[in-house]
Amino acid sequence: MRFVVVVDMQRDFVASDGALLVAGAEEMVAPMNAWLASLQPAEVAGVLFTADTHVPEVYALSEEAKQFPPHCEVGTPGWALVVDPNVVDAAIPTYRLEKGVFDMWAEPGLVVERIGTADTTDREAFFNGLQAQGVEHVEVVGVAADYCVRWAVEGLLARGFRVTVPVGLTRGIVRQIDMVALEEWTGRNLAIA
């Protein structure tokens, strides 16, 4: 069994008029929806969609605001996902994690919410639970390869997961995932497919 993490496939990063467009991300939407629709319940334990989530008055004082313009403000059109969790086979659970920084592991107290329910689980307990169920392999897709995808992968590797990143389903701002892997993860339990 494997698990899938879809990182920040939100309008502000993907749409041509998004606040922080990642070049080439818009071309990934249809292939990613098709890939998600092809996932098989016998092989996939679940799919987690992360969402970069900012509140203007908090973001303005953040380290990220020194590098990037305001984006993915909660409740705005730019915050919305552009891939559809509903294309995932109904037998595969889908989840959402909202985060306020690049690194989905950095903020204390984040929860994973099962989409369509009120069920939430502490982030660390959620991933520990996956391992307890025998999930050892996580596939990571999304944007941006050299920021939020990078930190998602780093955290998964640190927690002992084997990680695969399909090249065709991720894009970076400055560095693409193959360059990130070469520069930062040589010898780690990671495959760029």
N, C-alpha and C. Protein backbone atom coordinates (compact mmCIF):
# COMPACT_ATOMS: atom_id res chain seq x y z
N MET A 1 0.84 -1.20 0.00
CA MET A 1 0.00 0.00 0.00
C MET A 1 0.87 1.25 0.00
N ARG A 2 0.38 2.27 -0.67
CA ARG A 2 1.08 3.55 -0.66
C ARG A 2 0.09 4.65 -0.33
N PHE A 3 0.61 5.82 -0.05
CA PHE A 3 -0.20 6.99 0.27
C PHE A 3 0.23 8.08 -0.70
N VAL A 4 -0.67 9.02 -0.99
CA VAL A 4 -0.38 10.10 -1.94
C VAL A 4 -0.55 11.45 -1.24
N VAL A 5 0.42 12.35 -1.46
CA VAL A 5 0.30 13.72 -0.97
C VAL A 5 0.32 14.66 -2.17
N VAL A 6 -0.73 15.45 -2.31
CA VAL A 6 -0.86 16.45 -3.38
C VAL A 6 -0.60 17.81 -2.74
N VAL A 7 0.52 18.43 -3.11
CA VAL A 7 0.97 19.65 -2.43
C VAL A 7 0.49 20.91 -3.16
N ASP A 8 -0.34 21.68 -2.48
CA ASP A 8 -0.66 23.08 -2.83
C ASP A 8 -1.09 23.31 -4.28
N MET A 9 -1.89 22.43 -4.83
CA MET A 9 -2.39 22.64 -6.19
C MET A 9 -3.57 23.62 -6.13
N GLN A 10 -3.22 24.89 -5.86
CA GLN A 10 -4.19 25.95 -5.64
C GLN A 10 -4.11 26.99 -6.75
N ARG A 11 -5.21 27.68 -6.94
CA ARG A 11 -5.34 28.61 -8.06
C ARG A 11 -4.23 29.66 -8.10
N ASP A 12 -3.83 30.22 -6.95
CA ASP A 12 -2.80 31.26 -6.97
C ASP A 12 -1.46 30.75 -7.48
N PHE A 13 -1.18 29.46 -7.38
CA PHE A 13 0.07 28.89 -7.87
C PHE A 13 -0.04 28.37 -9.30
N VAL A 14 -1.28 28.07 -9.73
CA VAL A 14 -1.47 27.29 -10.96
C VAL A 14 -2.10 28.09 -12.10
N ALA A 15 -3.06 28.95 -11.81
CA ALA A 15 -3.75 29.69 -12.87
C ALA A 15 -2.85 30.76 -13.45
N SER A 16 -3.01 31.04 -14.73
CA SER A 16 -2.15 32.02 -15.40
C SER A 16 -2.24 33.40 -14.77
N ASP A 17 -3.37 33.71 -14.12
CA ASP A 17 -3.50 35.00 -13.45
C ASP A 17 -3.37 34.88 -11.93
N GLY A 18 -2.80 33.76 -11.46
CA GLY A 18 -2.61 33.55 -10.03
C GLY A 18 -1.60 34.51 -9.45
N ALA A 19 -1.71 34.74 -8.15
CA ALA A 19 -0.84 35.70 -7.47
C ALA A 19 0.62 35.28 -7.44
N LEU A 20 0.89 33.97 -7.52
CA LEU A 20 2.27 33.47 -7.45
C LEU A 20 2.39 32.26 -8.37
N LEU A 21 2.21 32.50 -9.67
CA LEU A 21 2.20 31.42 -10.67
C LEU A 21 3.53 30.68 -10.70
N VAL A 22 3.44 29.35 -10.66
CA VAL A 22 4.59 28.48 -10.86
C VAL A 22 4.55 28.07 -12.33
N ALA A 23 5.58 28.43 -13.07
CA ALA A 23 5.60 28.17 -14.52
C ALA A 23 5.37 26.70 -14.81
N GLY A 24 4.45 26.43 -15.73
CA GLY A 24 4.16 25.06 -16.15
C GLY A 24 3.14 24.34 -15.29
N ALA A 25 2.73 24.94 -14.19
CA ALA A 25 1.80 24.25 -13.28
C ALA A 25 0.42 24.07 -13.90
N GLU A 26 -0.01 25.05 -14.69
CA GLU A 26 -1.35 24.97 -15.28
C GLU A 26 -1.48 23.74 -16.19
N GLU A 27 -0.37 23.40 -16.87
CA GLU A 27 -0.40 22.25 -17.77
C GLU A 27 -0.48 20.92 -17.02
N MET A 28 -0.30 20.94 -15.71
CA MET A 28 -0.35 19.69 -14.93
C MET A 28 -1.75 19.34 -14.45
N VAL A 29 -2.69 20.28 -14.50
CA VAL A 29 -4.00 20.06 -13.88
C VAL A 29 -4.71 18.85 -14.49
N ALA A 30 -4.89 18.81 -15.81
CA ALA A 30 -5.61 17.70 -16.44
C ALA A 30 -4.88 16.37 -16.23
N PRO A 31 -3.55 16.31 -16.46
CA PRO A 31 -2.86 15.04 -16.20
C PRO A 31 -2.93 14.61 -14.73
N MET A 32 -2.90 15.57 -13.82
CA MET A 32 -2.96 15.20 -12.40
C MET A 32 -4.35 14.68 -12.04
N ASN A 33 -5.40 15.32 -12.55
CA ASN A 33 -6.75 14.80 -12.30
C ASN A 33 -6.90 13.40 -12.87
N ALA A 34 -6.37 13.17 -14.06
CA ALA A 34 -6.43 11.82 -14.66
C ALA A 34 -5.66 10.81 -13.82
N TRP A 35 -4.47 11.21 -13.33
CA TRP A 35 -3.66 10.33 -12.49
C TRP A 35 -4.39 10.00 -11.19
N LEU A 36 -4.97 11.03 -10.57
CA LEU A 36 -5.72 10.80 -9.33
C LEU A 36 -6.91 9.87 -9.58
N ALA A 37 -7.59 10.03 -10.71
CA ALA A 37 -8.74 9.18 -11.04
C ALA A 37 -8.32 7.74 -11.29
N SER A 38 -7.05 7.53 -11.67
CA SER A 38 -6.58 6.17 -11.97
C SER A 38 -6.11 5.40 -10.73
N LEU A 39 -6.02 6.07 -9.59
CA LEU A 39 -5.55 5.39 -8.37
C LEU A 39 -6.51 4.27 -7.98
N GLN A 40 -5.94 3.15 -7.55
CA GLN A 40 -6.74 1.97 -7.22
C GLN A 40 -6.83 1.76 -5.72
N PRO A 41 -8.04 1.51 -5.19
CA PRO A 41 -8.21 1.32 -3.75
C PRO A 41 -7.35 0.19 -3.17
N ALA A 42 -7.08 -0.83 -3.95
CA ALA A 42 -6.27 -1.94 -3.44
C ALA A 42 -4.80 -1.55 -3.26
N GLU A 43 -4.39 -0.41 -3.86
CA GLU A 43 -2.99 -0.01 -3.82
C GLU A 43 -2.74 1.27 -3.04
N VAL A 44 -3.79 2.08 -2.80
CA VAL A 44 -3.62 3.41 -2.22
C VAL A 44 -4.44 3.54 -0.93
N ALA A 45 -3.75 3.85 0.17
CA ALA A 45 -4.41 3.96 1.47
C ALA A 45 -5.15 5.28 1.65
N GLY A 46 -4.80 6.29 0.85
CA GLY A 46 -5.46 7.58 0.97
C GLY A 46 -4.72 8.65 0.19
N VAL A 47 -5.38 9.80 0.03
CA VAL A 47 -4.79 10.94 -0.67
C VAL A 47 -4.98 12.17 0.21
N LEU A 48 -3.88 12.87 0.48
CA LEU A 48 -3.90 14.10 1.27
C LEU A 48 -3.63 15.28 0.36
N PHE A 49 -4.52 16.28 0.41
CA PHE A 49 -4.34 17.52 -0.33
C PHE A 49 -3.91 18.59 0.67
N THR A 50 -2.72 19.17 0.48
CA THR A 50 -2.30 20.26 1.34
C THR A 50 -2.76 21.58 0.72
N ALA A 51 -2.96 22.58 1.58
CA ALA A 51 -3.39 23.89 1.11
C ALA A 51 -2.61 24.97 1.83
N ASP A 52 -1.85 25.74 1.06
CA ASP A 52 -1.18 26.91 1.60
C ASP A 52 -2.30 27.85 2.05
N THR A 53 -2.26 28.29 3.29
CA THR A 53 -3.39 29.01 3.87
C THR A 53 -2.88 30.22 4.64
N HIS A 54 -3.15 31.41 4.10
CA HIS A 54 -2.64 32.63 4.71
C HIS A 54 -3.76 33.57 5.13
N VAL A 55 -3.51 34.26 6.23
CA VAL A 55 -4.38 35.34 6.73
C VAL A 55 -3.57 36.62 6.51
N PRO A 56 -4.12 37.63 5.82
CA PRO A 56 -3.32 38.80 5.42
C PRO A 56 -2.50 39.44 6.55
N GLU A 57 -3.11 39.68 7.70
CA GLU A 57 -2.37 40.38 8.76
C GLU A 57 -1.25 39.53 9.36
N VAL A 58 -1.39 38.21 9.32
CA VAL A 58 -0.33 37.32 9.80
C VAL A 58 0.76 37.19 8.73
N TYR A 59 0.32 37.00 7.48
CA TYR A 59 1.28 36.82 6.39
C TYR A 59 2.21 38.04 6.25
N ALA A 60 1.66 39.22 6.40
CA ALA A 60 2.44 40.46 6.23
C ALA A 60 3.66 40.51 7.15
N LEU A 61 3.59 39.83 8.28
CA LEU A 61 4.69 39.84 9.25
C LEU A 61 5.58 38.61 9.16
N SER A 62 5.32 37.73 8.20
CA SER A 62 6.04 36.45 8.11
C SER A 62 7.33 36.57 7.30
N GLU A 63 8.20 35.58 7.49
CA GLU A 63 9.43 35.49 6.70
C GLU A 63 9.12 35.29 5.22
N GLU A 64 8.06 34.52 4.95
CA GLU A 64 7.67 34.24 3.56
C GLU A 64 7.31 35.53 2.81
N ALA A 65 6.71 36.50 3.52
CA ALA A 65 6.31 37.76 2.90
C ALA A 65 7.50 38.56 2.40
N LYS A 66 8.69 38.26 2.94
CA LYS A 66 9.91 38.93 2.47
C LYS A 66 10.33 38.43 1.09
N GLN A 67 9.87 37.22 0.72
CA GLN A 67 10.23 36.62 -0.57
C GLN A 67 9.11 36.67 -1.60
N PHE A 68 7.85 36.53 -1.14
CA PHE A 68 6.75 36.34 -2.08
C PHE A 68 5.59 37.28 -1.77
N PRO A 69 4.87 37.71 -2.83
CA PRO A 69 3.70 38.58 -2.62
C PRO A 69 2.58 37.81 -1.92
N PRO A 70 1.58 38.51 -1.40
CA PRO A 70 0.44 37.82 -0.79
C PRO A 70 -0.19 36.83 -1.76
N HIS A 71 -0.56 35.67 -1.24
CA HIS A 71 -1.15 34.60 -2.06
C HIS A 71 -1.91 33.64 -1.16
N CYS A 72 -2.80 32.87 -1.74
CA CYS A 72 -3.56 31.82 -1.05
C CYS A 72 -4.18 32.32 0.25
N GLU A 73 -4.78 33.50 0.18
CA GLU A 73 -5.45 34.04 1.35
C GLU A 73 -6.75 33.27 1.57
N VAL A 74 -6.92 32.81 2.80
CA VAL A 74 -8.05 31.95 3.13
C VAL A 74 -9.36 32.57 2.65
N GLY A 75 -10.17 31.73 1.97
CA GLY A 75 -11.48 32.16 1.50
C GLY A 75 -11.51 32.85 0.16
N THR A 76 -10.34 33.18 -0.41
CA THR A 76 -10.32 33.84 -1.71
C THR A 76 -10.30 32.81 -2.84
N PRO A 77 -10.62 33.23 -4.08
CA PRO A 77 -10.53 32.29 -5.20
C PRO A 77 -9.12 31.69 -5.35
N GLY A 78 -8.08 32.45 -5.04
CA GLY A 78 -6.72 31.95 -5.17
C GLY A 78 -6.37 30.84 -4.21
N TRP A 79 -7.13 30.68 -3.15
CA TRP A 79 -6.90 29.65 -2.13
C TRP A 79 -7.48 28.30 -2.56
N ALA A 80 -8.41 28.31 -3.51
CA ALA A 80 -9.12 27.09 -3.90
C ALA A 80 -8.21 26.10 -4.64
N LEU A 81 -8.48 24.82 -4.43
CA LEU A 81 -7.79 23.77 -5.18
C LEU A 81 -8.22 23.81 -6.64
N VAL A 82 -7.29 23.49 -7.54
CA VAL A 82 -7.63 23.39 -8.96
C VAL A 82 -7.68 21.95 -9.44
N VAL A 83 -7.25 21.03 -8.59
CA VAL A 83 -7.47 19.61 -8.85
C VAL A 83 -8.67 19.20 -8.00
N ASP A 84 -9.37 18.17 -8.44
CA ASP A 84 -10.64 17.81 -7.82
C ASP A 84 -10.51 16.55 -6.97
N PRO A 85 -10.60 16.67 -5.64
CA PRO A 85 -10.55 15.47 -4.80
C PRO A 85 -11.64 14.46 -5.14
N ASN A 86 -12.73 14.92 -5.76
CA ASN A 86 -13.83 14.01 -6.10
C ASN A 86 -13.51 13.06 -7.23
N VAL A 87 -12.40 13.28 -7.97
CA VAL A 87 -12.05 12.33 -9.03
C VAL A 87 -11.41 11.07 -8.45
N VAL A 88 -10.96 11.14 -7.20
CA VAL A 88 -10.36 9.98 -6.54
C VAL A 88 -11.48 8.97 -6.27
N ASP A 89 -11.20 7.71 -6.54
CA ASP A 89 -12.16 6.63 -6.29
C ASP A 89 -12.74 6.79 -4.88
N ALA A 90 -14.07 6.70 -4.76
CA ALA A 90 -14.74 6.92 -3.48
C ALA A 90 -14.29 5.94 -2.40
N ALA A 91 -13.70 4.82 -2.79
CA ALA A 91 -13.22 3.84 -1.81
C ALA A 91 -11.87 4.24 -1.21
N ILE A 92 -11.24 5.28 -1.76
CA ILE A 92 -9.97 5.78 -1.24
C ILE A 92 -10.26 7.02 -0.39
N PRO A 93 -9.91 7.02 0.89
CA PRO A 93 -10.16 8.21 1.72
C PRO A 93 -9.34 9.41 1.24
N THR A 94 -9.95 10.58 1.28
CA THR A 94 -9.25 11.82 0.93
C THR A 94 -9.21 12.73 2.15
N TYR A 95 -8.12 13.49 2.24
CA TYR A 95 -7.87 14.32 3.41
C TYR A 95 -7.37 15.70 2.97
N ARG A 96 -7.41 16.65 3.92
CA ARG A 96 -6.93 18.01 3.68
C ARG A 96 -6.11 18.46 4.88
N LEU A 97 -5.02 19.16 4.59
CA LEU A 97 -4.19 19.76 5.63
C LEU A 97 -3.91 21.20 5.23
N GLU A 98 -4.31 22.14 6.06
CA GLU A 98 -4.06 23.56 5.80
C GLU A 98 -2.84 23.98 6.59
N LYS A 99 -1.92 24.69 5.91
CA LYS A 99 -0.66 25.09 6.53
C LYS A 99 -0.36 26.55 6.21
N GLY A 100 0.32 27.23 7.12
CA GLY A 100 0.60 28.64 6.93
C GLY A 100 2.03 28.95 6.53
N VAL A 101 2.86 27.91 6.36
CA VAL A 101 4.26 28.10 5.97
C VAL A 101 4.63 27.06 4.91
N PHE A 102 5.83 27.23 4.31
CA PHE A 102 6.29 26.29 3.28
C PHE A 102 6.23 24.83 3.75
N ASP A 103 6.71 24.62 4.97
CA ASP A 103 6.95 23.27 5.50
C ASP A 103 5.71 22.75 6.23
N MET A 104 5.07 21.74 5.67
CA MET A 104 3.86 21.18 6.28
C MET A 104 4.11 20.54 7.63
N TRP A 105 5.38 20.39 8.00
CA TRP A 105 5.74 19.77 9.28
C TRP A 105 6.12 20.79 10.35
N ALA A 106 6.28 22.05 9.99
CA ALA A 106 6.88 23.03 10.89
C ALA A 106 5.94 23.56 11.96
N GLU A 107 4.69 23.75 11.63
CA GLU A 107 3.76 24.38 12.58
C GLU A 107 3.21 23.34 13.56
N PRO A 108 3.27 23.64 14.85
CA PRO A 108 2.68 22.72 15.82
C PRO A 108 1.15 22.77 15.75
N GLY A 109 0.54 21.67 16.10
CA GLY A 109 -0.91 21.64 16.25
C GLY A 109 -1.73 21.52 14.99
N LEU A 110 -1.11 21.30 13.84
CA LEU A 110 -1.90 21.14 12.62
C LEU A 110 -2.63 19.81 12.64
N VAL A 111 -3.79 19.80 11.98
CA VAL A 111 -4.59 18.58 11.92
C VAL A 111 -4.86 18.20 10.47
N VAL A 112 -5.07 16.91 10.28
CA VAL A 112 -5.49 16.36 8.99
C VAL A 112 -6.99 16.12 9.09
N GLU A 113 -7.72 16.69 8.15
CA GLU A 113 -9.18 16.57 8.15
C GLU A 113 -9.60 15.61 7.04
N ARG A 114 -10.46 14.65 7.38
CA ARG A 114 -11.00 13.79 6.33
C ARG A 114 -12.05 14.58 5.57
N ILE A 115 -11.87 14.70 4.25
CA ILE A 115 -12.77 15.49 3.42
C ILE A 115 -14.18 14.90 3.48
N GLY A 116 -15.15 15.79 3.64
CA GLY A 116 -16.55 15.37 3.68
C GLY A 116 -17.03 14.94 5.05
N THR A 117 -16.16 15.05 6.07
CA THR A 117 -16.54 14.68 7.43
C THR A 117 -16.02 15.77 8.38
N ALA A 118 -16.35 15.61 9.62
CA ALA A 118 -15.81 16.51 10.65
C ALA A 118 -14.62 15.85 11.37
N ASP A 119 -14.18 14.71 10.87
CA ASP A 119 -13.11 13.95 11.52
C ASP A 119 -11.76 14.62 11.29
N THR A 120 -11.03 14.88 12.38
CA THR A 120 -9.68 15.42 12.28
C THR A 120 -8.74 14.59 13.14
N THR A 121 -7.47 14.57 12.73
CA THR A 121 -6.44 13.84 13.47
C THR A 121 -5.20 14.72 13.51
N ASP A 122 -4.54 14.76 14.64
CA ASP A 122 -3.27 15.44 14.74
C ASP A 122 -2.34 14.96 13.63
N ARG A 123 -1.63 15.88 12.99
CA ARG A 123 -0.77 15.54 11.84
C ARG A 123 0.19 14.41 12.15
N GLU A 124 0.92 14.50 13.25
CA GLU A 124 1.91 13.46 13.57
C GLU A 124 1.23 12.13 13.85
N ALA A 125 0.12 12.15 14.58
CA ALA A 125 -0.61 10.92 14.86
C ALA A 125 -1.13 10.30 13.57
N PHE A 126 -1.54 11.15 12.62
CA PHE A 126 -2.04 10.66 11.34
C PHE A 126 -0.95 9.87 10.61
N PHE A 127 0.24 10.46 10.47
CA PHE A 127 1.31 9.77 9.74
C PHE A 127 1.85 8.57 10.52
N ASN A 128 1.87 8.65 11.84
CA ASN A 128 2.23 7.47 12.63
C ASN A 128 1.23 6.35 12.40
N GLY A 129 -0.05 6.72 12.28
CA GLY A 129 -1.10 5.75 12.02
C GLY A 129 -0.94 5.06 10.67
N LEU A 130 -0.50 5.82 9.67
CA LEU A 130 -0.24 5.21 8.36
C LEU A 130 0.83 4.13 8.48
N GLN A 131 1.91 4.47 9.18
CA GLN A 131 2.99 3.50 9.35
C GLN A 131 2.51 2.28 10.12
N ALA A 132 1.67 2.49 11.12
CA ALA A 132 1.14 1.37 11.90
C ALA A 132 0.27 0.46 11.03
N GLN A 133 -0.32 1.03 9.97
CA GLN A 133 -1.13 0.24 9.02
C GLN A 133 -0.26 -0.43 7.96
N GLY A 134 1.04 -0.21 8.01
CA GLY A 134 1.95 -0.82 7.04
C GLY A 134 2.25 0.01 5.82
N VAL A 135 1.83 1.28 5.81
CA VAL A 135 2.14 2.16 4.68
C VAL A 135 3.58 2.63 4.84
N GLU A 136 4.42 2.28 3.87
CA GLU A 136 5.84 2.65 3.91
C GLU A 136 6.23 3.58 2.77
N HIS A 137 5.36 3.69 1.75
CA HIS A 137 5.69 4.40 0.52
C HIS A 137 4.71 5.55 0.31
N VAL A 138 5.23 6.74 0.05
CA VAL A 138 4.40 7.91 -0.23
C VAL A 138 4.81 8.51 -1.56
N GLU A 139 3.83 8.79 -2.42
CA GLU A 139 4.08 9.52 -3.66
C GLU A 139 3.67 10.97 -3.43
N VAL A 140 4.53 11.90 -3.87
CA VAL A 140 4.29 13.32 -3.67
C VAL A 140 4.25 14.02 -5.03
N VAL A 141 3.21 14.82 -5.23
CA VAL A 141 3.04 15.58 -6.46
C VAL A 141 2.65 17.01 -6.09
N GLY A 142 2.80 17.95 -7.02
CA GLY A 142 2.31 19.30 -6.78
C GLY A 142 3.35 20.39 -6.98
N VAL A 143 3.14 21.51 -6.30
CA VAL A 143 3.99 22.69 -6.44
C VAL A 143 4.34 23.24 -5.05
N ALA A 144 5.38 23.93 -4.95
CA ALA A 144 6.49 24.10 -5.87
C ALA A 144 7.60 23.13 -5.45
N ALA A 145 8.22 22.52 -6.44
CA ALA A 145 9.22 21.48 -6.19
C ALA A 145 10.32 21.93 -5.25
N ASP A 146 10.72 23.19 -5.36
CA ASP A 146 11.87 23.68 -4.59
C ASP A 146 11.44 24.39 -3.30
N TYR A 147 10.17 24.36 -2.97
CA TYR A 147 9.69 24.94 -1.71
C TYR A 147 8.80 23.92 -1.00
N CYS A 148 7.49 24.01 -1.18
CA CYS A 148 6.57 23.20 -0.39
C CYS A 148 6.68 21.70 -0.67
N VAL A 149 6.90 21.31 -1.92
CA VAL A 149 7.11 19.89 -2.23
C VAL A 149 8.40 19.41 -1.55
N ARG A 150 9.43 20.22 -1.66
CA ARG A 150 10.72 19.87 -1.04
C ARG A 150 10.56 19.59 0.45
N TRP A 151 9.85 20.47 1.16
CA TRP A 151 9.70 20.29 2.61
C TRP A 151 8.79 19.13 2.94
N ALA A 152 7.77 18.89 2.13
CA ALA A 152 6.91 17.72 2.34
C ALA A 152 7.73 16.44 2.24
N VAL A 153 8.55 16.36 1.19
CA VAL A 153 9.40 15.18 0.99
C VAL A 153 10.40 15.04 2.12
N GLU A 154 11.04 16.13 2.49
CA GLU A 154 12.03 16.09 3.57
C GLU A 154 11.43 15.52 4.85
N GLY A 155 10.24 15.97 5.21
CA GLY A 155 9.57 15.49 6.41
C GLY A 155 9.19 14.03 6.33
N LEU A 156 8.75 13.59 5.17
CA LEU A 156 8.41 12.18 4.98
C LEU A 156 9.65 11.29 5.11
N LEU A 157 10.75 11.72 4.48
CA LEU A 157 12.00 10.96 4.59
C LEU A 157 12.47 10.89 6.04
N ALA A 158 12.37 12.01 6.76
CA ALA A 158 12.80 12.04 8.16
C ALA A 158 11.95 11.11 9.01
N ARG A 159 10.73 10.84 8.60
CA ARG A 159 9.84 9.95 9.35
C ARG A 159 9.92 8.51 8.87
N GLY A 160 10.85 8.23 7.98
CA GLY A 160 11.11 6.85 7.57
C GLY A 160 10.33 6.34 6.39
N PHE A 161 9.61 7.20 5.70
CA PHE A 161 8.87 6.76 4.52
C PHE A 161 9.81 6.69 3.31
N ARG A 162 9.51 5.78 2.39
CA ARG A 162 10.14 5.76 1.07
C ARG A 162 9.29 6.67 0.20
N VAL A 163 9.91 7.57 -0.55
CA VAL A 163 9.17 8.60 -1.29
C VAL A 163 9.47 8.49 -2.78
N THR A 164 8.41 8.64 -3.58
CA THR A 164 8.53 8.76 -5.03
C THR A 164 7.90 10.08 -5.45
N VAL A 165 8.57 10.81 -6.34
CA VAL A 165 8.03 12.04 -6.90
C VAL A 165 7.98 11.88 -8.42
N PRO A 166 6.78 11.76 -9.00
CA PRO A 166 6.67 11.70 -10.46
C PRO A 166 7.04 13.06 -11.08
N VAL A 167 8.05 13.07 -11.91
CA VAL A 167 8.56 14.32 -12.50
C VAL A 167 7.47 15.09 -13.24
N GLY A 168 6.61 14.40 -13.97
CA GLY A 168 5.59 15.07 -14.76
C GLY A 168 4.48 15.70 -13.95
N LEU A 169 4.46 15.44 -12.63
CA LEU A 169 3.38 15.96 -11.80
C LEU A 169 3.89 16.89 -10.70
N THR A 170 5.02 17.55 -10.97
CA THR A 170 5.51 18.59 -10.07
C THR A 170 6.24 19.65 -10.89
N ARG A 171 6.21 20.87 -10.39
CA ARG A 171 6.93 21.98 -11.03
C ARG A 171 7.57 22.81 -9.93
N GLY A 172 8.72 23.40 -10.27
CA GLY A 172 9.42 24.26 -9.32
C GLY A 172 9.43 25.71 -9.76
N ILE A 173 9.81 26.58 -8.84
CA ILE A 173 9.92 28.00 -9.16
C ILE A 173 11.27 28.28 -9.81
N VAL A 174 12.36 27.88 -9.14
CA VAL A 174 13.71 28.06 -9.68
C VAL A 174 14.32 26.71 -10.05
N ARG A 175 14.15 25.71 -9.17
CA ARG A 175 14.71 24.37 -9.41
C ARG A 175 13.58 23.36 -9.59
N GLN A 176 13.76 22.46 -10.55
CA GLN A 176 12.81 21.36 -10.73
C GLN A 176 13.20 20.22 -9.79
N ILE A 177 12.30 19.25 -9.63
CA ILE A 177 12.47 18.22 -8.61
C ILE A 177 13.73 17.37 -8.83
N ASP A 178 14.12 17.13 -10.08
CA ASP A 178 15.33 16.33 -10.30
C ASP A 178 16.57 17.05 -9.78
N MET A 179 16.61 18.38 -9.91
CA MET A 179 17.73 19.16 -9.39
C MET A 179 17.70 19.21 -7.86
N VAL A 180 16.51 19.37 -7.28
CA VAL A 180 16.38 19.36 -5.82
C VAL A 180 16.88 18.03 -5.28
N ALA A 181 16.47 16.93 -5.92
CA ALA A 181 16.89 15.60 -5.46
C ALA A 181 18.40 15.43 -5.55
N LEU A 182 18.98 15.87 -6.66
CA LEU A 182 20.43 15.75 -6.86
C LEU A 182 21.20 16.55 -5.82
N GLU A 183 20.73 17.75 -5.54
CA GLU A 183 21.45 18.64 -4.62
C GLU A 183 21.21 18.34 -3.15
N GLU A 184 20.07 17.73 -2.82
CA GLU A 184 19.72 17.60 -1.41
C GLU A 184 19.44 16.19 -0.92
N TRP A 185 19.13 15.26 -1.81
CA TRP A 185 18.69 13.95 -1.33
C TRP A 185 19.50 12.78 -1.87
N THR A 186 20.68 13.02 -2.37
CA THR A 186 21.50 11.91 -2.87
C THR A 186 21.70 10.89 -1.76
N GLY A 187 21.43 9.63 -2.10
CA GLY A 187 21.62 8.55 -1.13
C GLY A 187 20.45 8.36 -0.19
N ARG A 188 19.39 9.15 -0.35
CA ARG A 188 18.20 9.01 0.51
C ARG A 188 17.22 8.05 -0.13
N ASN A 189 16.20 7.65 0.61
CA ASN A 189 15.23 6.66 0.17
C ASN A 189 14.16 7.34 -0.71
N LEU A 190 14.61 7.82 -1.87
CA LEU A 190 13.76 8.64 -2.74
C LEU A 190 13.95 8.24 -4.19
N ALA A 191 12.85 8.22 -4.92
CA ALA A 191 12.91 7.96 -6.37
C ALA A 191 12.23 9.10 -7.10
N ILE A 192 12.85 9.58 -8.17
CA ILE A 192 12.25 10.55 -9.07
C ILE A 192 11.84 9.76 -10.30
N ALA A 193 10.53 9.63 -10.49
CA ALA A 193 10.03 8.72 -11.55
C ALA A 193 9.58 9.51 -12.77
